[in-house]
């Protein structure tokens, strides 16, 4: 166990233990295990651990190029079917002429009905159409109880035809950053093209998220597959860490959401 922990962050140890329990369950029962919706960093950890076993895994999020996906871990002789990911897609009906629906509003309202974030996948908004993915086991509860976003009355309808699913492709640009360390304040300073002091202020001001969690520690170190949001500057992905330069700087390829 210690050899696994040393490759990841200390705060990720509870999740690593959870993944190890999933792996052991599949090995002991010879039956597939379906996870909740995982973000890219969680999937990276899951894939890293499953690769060290004799098991296989696949992921599905319901939308093309989903960011959050459910992972199915299974024995190598097993052939998973699409319905085993147990994902329901819904479209939100609301007064489009009078309301500009935002991702954050919808997510907050979905969570306000009492369901954990891990039960929701992506939220897609395109051309006034709003859709979201949810774990099948809570879909009926959502269908009955999700009736309002802010002060706006809404209703939801299951999406049964794949042709109706939004394919809102995100555009990312890639750029090489040369930085002195992987500390969060150093990375934010490079992304925002500002001083370390300004970056520290953004972090202390709770304007920086890593993997959808608020991080207020300047010394927090980013890793591959982390997703960063810096309020007022944008959203970024750590695509790869390419090694060091002759001057011992770190080369990092970072994607920026257009």
C-alpha atoms as a PDB file:
ATOM      1  CA  UNK A   1       0.000   0.000   0.000  1.00  0.00           C
ATOM      2  CA  UNK A   2       2.806   2.405   0.898  1.00  0.00           C
ATOM      3  CA  UNK A   3       4.365   1.957  -2.547  1.00  0.00           C
ATOM      4  CA  UNK A   4       1.090   3.141  -4.124  1.00  0.00           C
ATOM      5  CA  UNK A   5       0.675   6.113  -1.816  1.00  0.00           C
ATOM      6  CA  UNK A   6       4.122   7.487  -2.582  1.00  0.00           C
ATOM      7  CA  UNK A   7       3.126   8.192  -6.178  1.00  0.00           C
ATOM      8  CA  UNK A   8       0.166  10.391  -5.244  1.00  0.00           C
ATOM      9  CA  UNK A   9      -0.736  13.241  -2.908  1.00  0.00           C
ATOM     10  CA  UNK A  10      -1.294  12.629   0.778  1.00  0.00           C
ATOM     11  CA  UNK A  11      -4.840  14.012   0.552  1.00  0.00           C
ATOM     12  CA  UNK A  12      -5.600  11.469  -2.197  1.00  0.00           C
ATOM     13  CA  UNK A  13      -4.954   8.500   0.099  1.00  0.00           C
ATOM     14  CA  UNK A  14      -8.648   7.991   1.045  1.00  0.00           C
ATOM     15  CA  UNK A  15      -9.559   7.792  -2.644  1.00  0.00           C
ATOM     16  CA  UNK A  16      -6.655   5.404  -3.316  1.00  0.00           C
ATOM     17  CA  UNK A  17      -7.931   3.155  -0.532  1.00  0.00           C
ATOM     18  CA  UNK A  18     -11.385   3.251  -2.108  1.00  0.00           C
ATOM     19  CA  UNK A  19      -9.972   2.221  -5.499  1.00  0.00           C
ATOM     20  CA  UNK A  20      -8.023  -0.599  -3.877  1.00  0.00           C
ATOM     21  CA  UNK A  21     -11.243  -1.818  -2.255  1.00  0.00           C
ATOM     22  CA  UNK A  22     -12.938  -1.795  -5.683  1.00  0.00           C
ATOM     23  CA  UNK A  23     -10.097  -3.832  -7.156  1.00  0.00           C
ATOM     24  CA  UNK A  24     -10.201  -6.346  -4.309  1.00  0.00           C
ATOM     25  CA  UNK A  25     -13.989  -6.666  -4.637  1.00  0.00           C
ATOM     26  CA  UNK A  26     -13.725  -7.519  -8.339  1.00  0.00           C
ATOM     27  CA  UNK A  27     -10.852  -9.945  -7.710  1.00  0.00           C
ATOM     28  CA  UNK A  28     -12.792 -11.684  -4.921  1.00  0.00           C
ATOM     29  CA  UNK A  29     -16.202 -11.840  -6.581  1.00  0.00           C
ATOM     30  CA  UNK A  30     -15.218 -12.094 -10.274  1.00  0.00           C
ATOM     31  CA  UNK A  31     -17.999  -9.567 -10.910  1.00  0.00           C
ATOM     32  CA  UNK A  32     -17.665  -6.080 -12.449  1.00  0.00           C
ATOM     33  CA  UNK A  33     -17.678  -2.981 -10.232  1.00  0.00           C
ATOM     34  CA  UNK A  34     -19.259   0.299 -11.358  1.00  0.00           C
ATOM     35  CA  UNK A  35     -17.974   3.502  -9.751  1.00  0.00           C
ATOM     36  CA  UNK A  36     -19.646   6.847  -9.247  1.00  0.00           C
ATOM     37  CA  UNK A  37     -18.810   9.660 -11.693  1.00  0.00           C
ATOM     38  CA  UNK A  38     -15.073  10.373 -11.517  1.00  0.00           C
ATOM     39  CA  UNK A  39     -13.226  13.490 -12.614  1.00  0.00           C
ATOM     40  CA  UNK A  40     -10.121  13.159 -14.862  1.00  0.00           C
ATOM     41  CA  UNK A  41      -7.673  13.096 -11.954  1.00  0.00           C
ATOM     42  CA  UNK A  42      -9.657  10.385 -10.143  1.00  0.00           C
ATOM     43  CA  UNK A  43      -9.793   8.336 -13.335  1.00  0.00           C
ATOM     44  CA  UNK A  44      -6.036   8.714 -13.761  1.00  0.00           C
ATOM     45  CA  UNK A  45      -5.494   7.344 -10.234  1.00  0.00           C
ATOM     46  CA  UNK A  46      -8.005   4.530 -10.846  1.00  0.00           C
ATOM     47  CA  UNK A  47      -6.347   3.569 -14.137  1.00  0.00           C
ATOM     48  CA  UNK A  48      -2.887   3.625 -12.518  1.00  0.00           C
ATOM     49  CA  UNK A  49      -3.988   1.198  -9.796  1.00  0.00           C
ATOM     50  CA  UNK A  50      -6.050  -1.120 -12.020  1.00  0.00           C
ATOM     51  CA  UNK A  51      -3.109  -1.377 -14.464  1.00  0.00           C
ATOM     52  CA  UNK A  52      -1.134  -3.079 -11.675  1.00  0.00           C
ATOM     53  CA  UNK A  53      -3.734  -5.844 -11.436  1.00  0.00           C
ATOM     54  CA  UNK A  54      -5.053  -8.406 -13.909  1.00  0.00           C
ATOM     55  CA  UNK A  55      -8.277  -6.439 -14.301  1.00  0.00           C
ATOM     56  CA  UNK A  56      -9.578  -4.182 -17.056  1.00  0.00           C
ATOM     57  CA  UNK A  57     -11.525  -0.944 -17.007  1.00  0.00           C
ATOM     58  CA  UNK A  58     -13.561   1.285 -19.295  1.00  0.00           C
ATOM     59  CA  UNK A  59     -15.250   4.626 -18.699  1.00  0.00           C
ATOM     60  CA  UNK A  60     -18.435   6.259 -19.982  1.00  0.00           C
ATOM     61  CA  UNK A  61     -20.026   9.624 -19.262  1.00  0.00           C
ATOM     62  CA  UNK A  62     -23.131   9.692 -21.434  1.00  0.00           C
ATOM     63  CA  UNK A  63     -21.991  12.583 -23.654  1.00  0.00           C
ATOM     64  CA  UNK A  64     -19.358  12.595 -26.397  1.00  0.00           C
ATOM     65  CA  UNK A  65     -16.009  13.535 -24.813  1.00  0.00           C
ATOM     66  CA  UNK A  66     -17.487  13.622 -21.309  1.00  0.00           C
ATOM     67  CA  UNK A  67     -15.242  15.073 -18.630  1.00  0.00           C
ATOM     68  CA  UNK A  68     -16.819  13.202 -15.708  1.00  0.00           C
ATOM     69  CA  UNK A  69     -17.316   9.483 -16.298  1.00  0.00           C
ATOM     70  CA  UNK A  70     -18.360   6.324 -14.494  1.00  0.00           C
ATOM     71  CA  UNK A  71     -15.710   3.613 -14.565  1.00  0.00           C
ATOM     72  CA  UNK A  72     -16.430  -0.084 -14.893  1.00  0.00           C
ATOM     73  CA  UNK A  73     -13.712  -2.349 -13.450  1.00  0.00           C
ATOM     74  CA  UNK A  74     -14.023  -5.955 -14.585  1.00  0.00           C
ATOM     75  CA  UNK A  75     -12.169  -9.276 -15.066  1.00  0.00           C
ATOM     76  CA  UNK A  76     -10.250  -9.588 -18.322  1.00  0.00           C
ATOM     77  CA  UNK A  77     -12.635 -12.252 -19.695  1.00  0.00           C
ATOM     78  CA  UNK A  78     -15.711 -10.028 -19.215  1.00  0.00           C
ATOM     79  CA  UNK A  79     -17.332  -8.078 -22.067  1.00  0.00           C
ATOM     80  CA  UNK A  80     -19.197  -5.021 -20.729  1.00  0.00           C
ATOM     81  CA  UNK A  81     -22.414  -3.771 -22.346  1.00  0.00           C
ATOM     82  CA  UNK A  82     -23.328  -0.092 -22.749  1.00  0.00           C
ATOM     83  CA  UNK A  83     -26.274  -0.281 -20.325  1.00  0.00           C
ATOM     84  CA  UNK A  84     -23.997  -1.429 -17.502  1.00  0.00           C
ATOM     85  CA  UNK A  85     -22.751   2.129 -16.969  1.00  0.00           C
ATOM     86  CA  UNK A  86     -26.237   3.002 -15.682  1.00  0.00           C
ATOM     87  CA  UNK A  87     -26.300   6.614 -16.833  1.00  0.00           C
ATOM     88  CA  UNK A  88     -29.491   8.573 -17.453  1.00  0.00           C
ATOM     89  CA  UNK A  89     -29.519  11.730 -19.567  1.00  0.00           C
ATOM     90  CA  UNK A  90     -32.063  14.491 -19.007  1.00  0.00           C
ATOM     91  CA  UNK A  91     -32.975  17.684 -20.813  1.00  0.00           C
ATOM     92  CA  UNK A  92     -34.116  20.694 -18.791  1.00  0.00           C
ATOM     93  CA  UNK A  93     -37.211  22.570 -19.966  1.00  0.00           C
ATOM     94  CA  UNK A  94     -37.358  26.199 -18.880  1.00  0.00           C
ATOM     95  CA  UNK A  95     -38.618  29.580 -20.230  1.00  0.00           C
ATOM     96  CA  UNK A  96     -35.758  30.143 -22.692  1.00  0.00           C
ATOM     97  CA  UNK A  97     -36.970  33.584 -23.789  1.00  0.00           C
ATOM     98  CA  UNK A  98     -36.602  35.012 -20.307  1.00  0.00           C
ATOM     99  CA  UNK A  99     -33.816  32.993 -18.673  1.00  0.00           C
ATOM    100  CA  UNK A 100     -30.127  32.582 -19.453  1.00  0.00           C
ATOM    101  CA  UNK A 101     -29.274  29.252 -17.814  1.00  0.00           C
ATOM    102  CA  UNK A 102     -25.720  28.975 -16.458  1.00  0.00           C
ATOM    103  CA  UNK A 103     -23.738  25.852 -15.600  1.00  0.00           C
ATOM    104  CA  UNK A 104     -23.083  26.934 -11.995  1.00  0.00           C
ATOM    105  CA  UNK A 105     -26.770  27.709 -11.372  1.00  0.00           C
ATOM    106  CA  UNK A 106     -27.860  24.326 -12.676  1.00  0.00           C
ATOM    107  CA  UNK A 107     -25.229  22.411 -10.712  1.00  0.00           C
ATOM    108  CA  UNK A 108     -26.084  24.234  -7.491  1.00  0.00           C
ATOM    109  CA  UNK A 109     -29.772  23.528  -7.945  1.00  0.00           C
ATOM    110  CA  UNK A 110     -29.176  19.841  -8.729  1.00  0.00           C
ATOM    111  CA  UNK A 111     -27.102  19.449  -5.572  1.00  0.00           C
ATOM    112  CA  UNK A 112     -29.677  21.336  -3.508  1.00  0.00           C
ATOM    113  CA  UNK A 113     -32.124  18.446  -3.868  1.00  0.00           C
ATOM    114  CA  UNK A 114     -29.795  16.420  -1.641  1.00  0.00           C
ATOM    115  CA  UNK A 115     -27.769  14.272  -4.032  1.00  0.00           C
ATOM    116  CA  UNK A 116     -23.970  14.079  -3.865  1.00  0.00           C
ATOM    117  CA  UNK A 117     -21.887  15.582  -6.688  1.00  0.00           C
ATOM    118  CA  UNK A 118     -20.466  12.146  -7.478  1.00  0.00           C
ATOM    119  CA  UNK A 119     -23.916  11.118  -8.740  1.00  0.00           C
ATOM    120  CA  UNK A 120     -23.868  13.756 -11.491  1.00  0.00           C
ATOM    121  CA  UNK A 121     -21.874  13.708 -14.685  1.00  0.00           C
ATOM    122  CA  UNK A 122     -21.419  16.535 -17.162  1.00  0.00           C
ATOM    123  CA  UNK A 123     -23.791  19.437 -17.709  1.00  0.00           C
ATOM    124  CA  UNK A 124     -24.019  20.460 -21.357  1.00  0.00           C
ATOM    125  CA  UNK A 125     -25.407  23.797 -22.525  1.00  0.00           C
ATOM    126  CA  UNK A 126     -25.629  24.657 -26.229  1.00  0.00           C
ATOM    127  CA  UNK A 127     -28.039  26.806 -28.248  1.00  0.00           C
ATOM    128  CA  UNK A 128     -30.326  27.254 -25.212  1.00  0.00           C
ATOM    129  CA  UNK A 129     -30.559  23.478 -24.794  1.00  0.00           C
ATOM    130  CA  UNK A 130     -29.540  22.241 -21.344  1.00  0.00           C
ATOM    131  CA  UNK A 131     -28.804  18.586 -20.622  1.00  0.00           C
ATOM    132  CA  UNK A 132     -27.135  16.675 -17.812  1.00  0.00           C
ATOM    133  CA  UNK A 133     -26.033  13.145 -16.949  1.00  0.00           C
ATOM    134  CA  UNK A 134     -27.000  11.467 -13.694  1.00  0.00           C
ATOM    135  CA  UNK A 135     -26.506   8.030 -12.141  1.00  0.00           C
ATOM    136  CA  UNK A 136     -29.454   5.816 -13.024  1.00  0.00           C
ATOM    137  CA  UNK A 137     -29.987   4.862  -9.383  1.00  0.00           C
ATOM    138  CA  UNK A 138     -31.016   8.432  -8.486  1.00  0.00           C
ATOM    139  CA  UNK A 139     -32.614   9.434 -11.786  1.00  0.00           C
ATOM    140  CA  UNK A 140     -36.204   8.891 -10.675  1.00  0.00           C
ATOM    141  CA  UNK A 141     -35.596  10.986  -7.558  1.00  0.00           C
ATOM    142  CA  UNK A 142     -34.189  13.786  -9.730  1.00  0.00           C
ATOM    143  CA  UNK A 143     -37.096  13.501 -12.151  1.00  0.00           C
ATOM    144  CA  UNK A 144     -39.586  14.054  -9.317  1.00  0.00           C
ATOM    145  CA  UNK A 145     -37.729  16.531  -7.111  1.00  0.00           C
ATOM    146  CA  UNK A 146     -35.722  18.720  -9.471  1.00  0.00           C
ATOM    147  CA  UNK A 147     -38.284  21.414 -10.266  1.00  0.00           C
ATOM    148  CA  UNK A 148     -36.472  24.718  -9.816  1.00  0.00           C
ATOM    149  CA  UNK A 149     -33.252  26.528 -10.770  1.00  0.00           C
ATOM    150  CA  UNK A 150     -32.947  29.624  -8.634  1.00  0.00           C
ATOM    151  CA  UNK A 151     -36.379  31.225  -8.834  1.00  0.00           C
ATOM    152  CA  UNK A 152     -37.168  29.651 -12.197  1.00  0.00           C
ATOM    153  CA  UNK A 153     -39.542  26.699 -12.439  1.00  0.00           C
ATOM    154  CA  UNK A 154     -38.165  23.877 -14.584  1.00  0.00           C
ATOM    155  CA  UNK A 155     -39.030  20.356 -15.592  1.00  0.00           C
ATOM    156  CA  UNK A 156     -36.832  17.554 -16.875  1.00  0.00           C
ATOM    157  CA  UNK A 157     -37.426  15.026 -19.608  1.00  0.00           C
ATOM    158  CA  UNK A 158     -35.424  11.825 -20.204  1.00  0.00           C
ATOM    159  CA  UNK A 159     -33.397  11.784 -23.419  1.00  0.00           C
ATOM    160  CA  UNK A 160     -34.197   8.495 -25.139  1.00  0.00           C
ATOM    161  CA  UNK A 161     -32.914   9.259 -28.635  1.00  0.00           C
ATOM    162  CA  UNK A 162     -29.117   9.444 -29.035  1.00  0.00           C
ATOM    163  CA  UNK A 163     -29.610  11.961 -31.860  1.00  0.00           C
ATOM    164  CA  UNK A 164     -30.944  14.481 -29.320  1.00  0.00           C
ATOM    165  CA  UNK A 165     -27.807  14.393 -27.173  1.00  0.00           C
ATOM    166  CA  UNK A 166     -25.789  17.613 -27.195  1.00  0.00           C
ATOM    167  CA  UNK A 167     -22.322  17.260 -28.670  1.00  0.00           C
ATOM    168  CA  UNK A 168     -20.820  20.491 -27.354  1.00  0.00           C
ATOM    169  CA  UNK A 169     -17.142  20.049 -28.087  1.00  0.00           C
ATOM    170  CA  UNK A 170     -14.823  22.138 -25.959  1.00  0.00           C
ATOM    171  CA  UNK A 171     -11.934  23.875 -27.674  1.00  0.00           C
ATOM    172  CA  UNK A 172      -8.563  23.840 -25.936  1.00  0.00           C
ATOM    173  CA  UNK A 173      -5.306  25.460 -26.915  1.00  0.00           C
ATOM    174  CA  UNK A 174      -2.015  23.908 -25.821  1.00  0.00           C
ATOM    175  CA  UNK A 175       0.956  25.903 -24.629  1.00  0.00           C
ATOM    176  CA  UNK A 176       4.326  25.040 -23.128  1.00  0.00           C
ATOM    177  CA  UNK A 177       5.041  26.765 -19.808  1.00  0.00           C
ATOM    178  CA  UNK A 178       8.547  26.898 -18.333  1.00  0.00           C
ATOM    179  CA  UNK A 179       8.225  27.200 -14.563  1.00  0.00           C
ATOM    180  CA  UNK A 180      10.500  26.924 -11.547  1.00  0.00           C
ATOM    181  CA  UNK A 181       8.286  24.493  -9.623  1.00  0.00           C
ATOM    182  CA  UNK A 182       4.900  22.776  -9.624  1.00  0.00           C
ATOM    183  CA  UNK A 183       3.691  24.819  -6.656  1.00  0.00           C
ATOM    184  CA  UNK A 184       0.194  26.159  -7.215  1.00  0.00           C
ATOM    185  CA  UNK A 185       1.239  29.809  -6.826  1.00  0.00           C
ATOM    186  CA  UNK A 186       3.983  29.356  -9.435  1.00  0.00           C
ATOM    187  CA  UNK A 187       1.637  27.671 -11.899  1.00  0.00           C
ATOM    188  CA  UNK A 188      -1.137  30.256 -11.399  1.00  0.00           C
ATOM    189  CA  UNK A 189       1.379  33.084 -11.872  1.00  0.00           C
ATOM    190  CA  UNK A 190       2.391  31.558 -15.208  1.00  0.00           C
ATOM    191  CA  UNK A 191      -1.198  30.989 -16.335  1.00  0.00           C
ATOM    192  CA  UNK A 192      -2.390  34.454 -15.333  1.00  0.00           C
ATOM    193  CA  UNK A 193       0.860  36.114 -16.433  1.00  0.00           C
ATOM    194  CA  UNK A 194       1.154  37.808 -13.066  1.00  0.00           C
ATOM    195  CA  UNK A 195       3.522  37.948 -10.111  1.00  0.00           C
ATOM    196  CA  UNK A 196       3.754  35.195  -7.496  1.00  0.00           C
ATOM    197  CA  UNK A 197       2.376  37.708  -4.969  1.00  0.00           C
ATOM    198  CA  UNK A 198      -0.711  38.278  -7.141  1.00  0.00           C
ATOM    199  CA  UNK A 199      -1.101  34.528  -7.644  1.00  0.00           C
ATOM    200  CA  UNK A 200      -0.874  33.981  -3.879  1.00  0.00           C
ATOM    201  CA  UNK A 201      -3.569  36.602  -3.396  1.00  0.00           C
ATOM    202  CA  UNK A 202      -5.854  34.763  -5.831  1.00  0.00           C
ATOM    203  CA  UNK A 203      -5.276  31.489  -3.989  1.00  0.00           C
ATOM    204  CA  UNK A 204      -5.817  33.007  -0.533  1.00  0.00           C
ATOM    205  CA  UNK A 205      -8.922  34.751  -1.878  1.00  0.00           C
ATOM    206  CA  UNK A 206     -10.434  31.352  -2.747  1.00  0.00           C
ATOM    207  CA  UNK A 207     -10.421  32.084  -6.463  1.00  0.00           C
ATOM    208  CA  UNK A 208      -8.508  28.962  -7.490  1.00  0.00           C
ATOM    209  CA  UNK A 209      -9.861  25.424  -7.778  1.00  0.00           C
ATOM    210  CA  UNK A 210      -7.972  22.230  -8.528  1.00  0.00           C
ATOM    211  CA  UNK A 211     -10.115  19.314  -9.673  1.00  0.00           C
ATOM    212  CA  UNK A 212     -13.257  21.247  -8.697  1.00  0.00           C
ATOM    213  CA  UNK A 213     -12.090  21.719  -5.100  1.00  0.00           C
ATOM    214  CA  UNK A 214     -11.119  25.092  -3.615  1.00  0.00           C
ATOM    215  CA  UNK A 215      -7.412  25.112  -2.766  1.00  0.00           C
ATOM    216  CA  UNK A 216      -6.036  27.857  -0.505  1.00  0.00           C
ATOM    217  CA  UNK A 217      -2.490  26.479  -0.078  1.00  0.00           C
ATOM    218  CA  UNK A 218       0.140  28.228  -2.176  1.00  0.00           C
ATOM    219  CA  UNK A 219       2.560  25.302  -1.761  1.00  0.00           C
ATOM    220  CA  UNK A 220       0.044  22.744  -3.090  1.00  0.00           C
ATOM    221  CA  UNK A 221       1.715  20.915  -6.005  1.00  0.00           C
ATOM    222  CA  UNK A 222      -0.126  20.270  -9.258  1.00  0.00           C
ATOM    223  CA  UNK A 223       0.255  17.021 -11.167  1.00  0.00           C
ATOM    224  CA  UNK A 224      -0.595  15.628 -14.582  1.00  0.00           C
ATOM    225  CA  UNK A 225      -4.307  15.534 -15.434  1.00  0.00           C
ATOM    226  CA  UNK A 226      -5.209  18.170 -12.844  1.00  0.00           C
ATOM    227  CA  UNK A 227      -7.901  20.636 -13.925  1.00  0.00           C
ATOM    228  CA  UNK A 228      -7.414  24.197 -12.666  1.00  0.00           C
ATOM    229  CA  UNK A 229      -9.958  27.018 -12.585  1.00  0.00           C
ATOM    230  CA  UNK A 230      -8.742  30.547 -11.864  1.00  0.00           C
ATOM    231  CA  UNK A 231     -11.622  32.963 -11.446  1.00  0.00           C
ATOM    232  CA  UNK A 232     -11.344  35.803 -13.923  1.00  0.00           C
ATOM    233  CA  UNK A 233      -8.679  34.046 -15.995  1.00  0.00           C
ATOM    234  CA  UNK A 234     -10.107  30.749 -17.198  1.00  0.00           C
ATOM    235  CA  UNK A 235      -9.902  26.990 -16.986  1.00  0.00           C
ATOM    236  CA  UNK A 236      -6.833  24.865 -17.611  1.00  0.00           C
ATOM    237  CA  UNK A 237      -5.625  21.246 -17.787  1.00  0.00           C
ATOM    238  CA  UNK A 238      -2.166  19.970 -16.903  1.00  0.00           C
ATOM    239  CA  UNK A 239      -1.696  17.836 -20.004  1.00  0.00           C
ATOM    240  CA  UNK A 240       1.845  16.608 -19.424  1.00  0.00           C
ATOM    241  CA  UNK A 241       4.992  17.330 -17.445  1.00  0.00           C
ATOM    242  CA  UNK A 242       7.829  17.112 -19.944  1.00  0.00           C
ATOM    243  CA  UNK A 243      10.899  17.142 -17.704  1.00  0.00           C
ATOM    244  CA  UNK A 244      13.481  19.808 -16.956  1.00  0.00           C
ATOM    245  CA  UNK A 245      15.474  22.315 -18.959  1.00  0.00           C
ATOM    246  CA  UNK A 246      19.245  22.791 -18.720  1.00  0.00           C
ATOM    247  CA  UNK A 247      18.587  25.528 -16.167  1.00  0.00           C
ATOM    248  CA  UNK A 248      16.547  23.068 -14.084  1.00  0.00           C
ATOM    249  CA  UNK A 249      13.200  24.661 -14.941  1.00  0.00           C
ATOM    250  CA  UNK A 250      10.183  22.419 -15.474  1.00  0.00           C
ATOM    251  CA  UNK A 251       8.498  22.123 -18.882  1.00  0.00           C
ATOM    252  CA  UNK A 252       4.737  21.725 -18.553  1.00  0.00           C
ATOM    253  CA  UNK A 253       2.206  21.440 -21.400  1.00  0.00           C
ATOM    254  CA  UNK A 254      -1.021  23.121 -20.301  1.00  0.00           C
ATOM    255  CA  UNK A 255      -4.323  23.267 -22.148  1.00  0.00           C
ATOM    256  CA  UNK A 256      -6.470  26.383 -21.874  1.00  0.00           C
ATOM    257  CA  UNK A 257     -10.214  26.310 -22.541  1.00  0.00           C
ATOM    258  CA  UNK A 258     -11.026  28.705 -25.383  1.00  0.00           C
END
